[in-house]
Protein backbone atom coordinates (compact mmCIF):
# COMPACT_ATOMS: atom_id res chain seq x y z
CA MET A 1 -16.83 -0.73 -4.12
CA LEU A 2 -15.99 2.09 -5.35
CA ILE A 3 -17.74 5.07 -6.87
CA VAL A 4 -16.25 8.43 -7.72
CA LYS A 5 -18.18 11.46 -9.52
CA VAL A 6 -17.33 13.81 -11.46
CA LYS A 7 -17.88 16.93 -10.28
CA GLU A 8 -18.65 19.52 -12.93
CA ASN A 9 -16.14 21.51 -14.58
CA GLU A 10 -14.32 19.19 -13.56
CA THR A 11 -11.95 16.90 -16.35
CA ILE A 12 -11.88 12.94 -16.42
CA ASP A 13 -7.34 13.22 -15.13
CA LYS A 14 -8.56 14.43 -11.94
CA ALA A 15 -11.25 12.42 -11.38
CA LEU A 16 -9.28 9.10 -12.47
CA LYS A 17 -5.98 10.68 -9.97
CA ARG A 18 -8.93 10.99 -7.52
CA PHE A 19 -9.69 6.78 -8.44
CA LYS A 20 -6.08 5.70 -8.31
CA LYS A 21 -5.48 7.61 -4.88
CA LYS A 22 -8.65 5.52 -3.19
CA PHE A 23 -8.71 2.13 -4.80
CA GLU A 24 -4.62 2.47 -3.40
CA LYS A 25 -6.31 3.14 0.13
CA THR A 26 -8.71 0.26 0.05
CA GLY A 27 -5.12 -1.95 -0.27
CA VAL A 28 -6.33 -4.69 -2.61
CA LEU A 29 -3.90 -4.43 -4.63
CA LYS A 30 -1.33 -4.90 -2.32
CA ALA A 31 -3.20 -7.88 -1.76
CA ILE A 32 -4.39 -9.58 -4.15
CA ARG A 33 0.25 -9.34 -4.72
CA ASN A 34 0.32 -10.90 -1.56
CA LYS A 35 -1.79 -13.93 -1.97
CA SER A 36 -0.89 -14.80 -5.48
CA TYR A 37 1.54 -17.17 -3.61
CA TYR A 38 2.03 -19.11 -0.62
CA GLU A 39 4.08 -18.15 1.51
CA LYS A 40 5.08 -19.79 4.63
CA PRO A 41 3.70 -18.23 8.39
CA SER A 42 7.07 -18.31 9.54
CA VAL A 43 8.57 -16.87 6.29
CA VAL A 44 5.81 -13.61 7.48
CA ARG A 45 6.92 -13.42 9.99
CA ARG A 46 9.99 -13.67 10.00
CA ASN A 47 9.96 -10.64 7.12
CA ALA A 48 8.12 -8.95 9.35
CA ARG A 49 10.60 -9.31 12.08
CA LEU A 50 13.45 -8.26 9.05
CA ARG A 51 11.65 -5.40 8.24
CA SER A 52 11.13 -4.45 11.92
CA ILE A 53 14.71 -4.51 12.17
CA TYR A 54 15.15 -2.70 9.21
CA LYS A 55 13.28 0.68 10.80
CA GLN A 56 14.31 0.07 14.15
CA ARG A 57 18.59 0.69 11.99
CA MET A 58 17.50 3.69 9.62
CA ILE A 59 15.93 6.16 12.75
CA THR A 60 18.35 5.13 15.25
CA ALA A 61 20.50 5.95 11.89
CA GLU A 62 18.79 9.61 11.06
CA ARG A 63 19.08 10.71 15.00
CA GLY A 64 23.23 10.69 14.62
């Protein structure tokens, strides 16, 4: 459970922004989206491999 204490003389907007950052860092929403439908383990591995290949290509292209 996330707890964000509102500091003295702090606006609700700033406290809400801190809450959103904490919530995003926990990864709960990302996990819910991933679990919303079943994906075969082979598909998960293939996507992870393709994602890593893409990242490597971007890194090497950046270096020149």
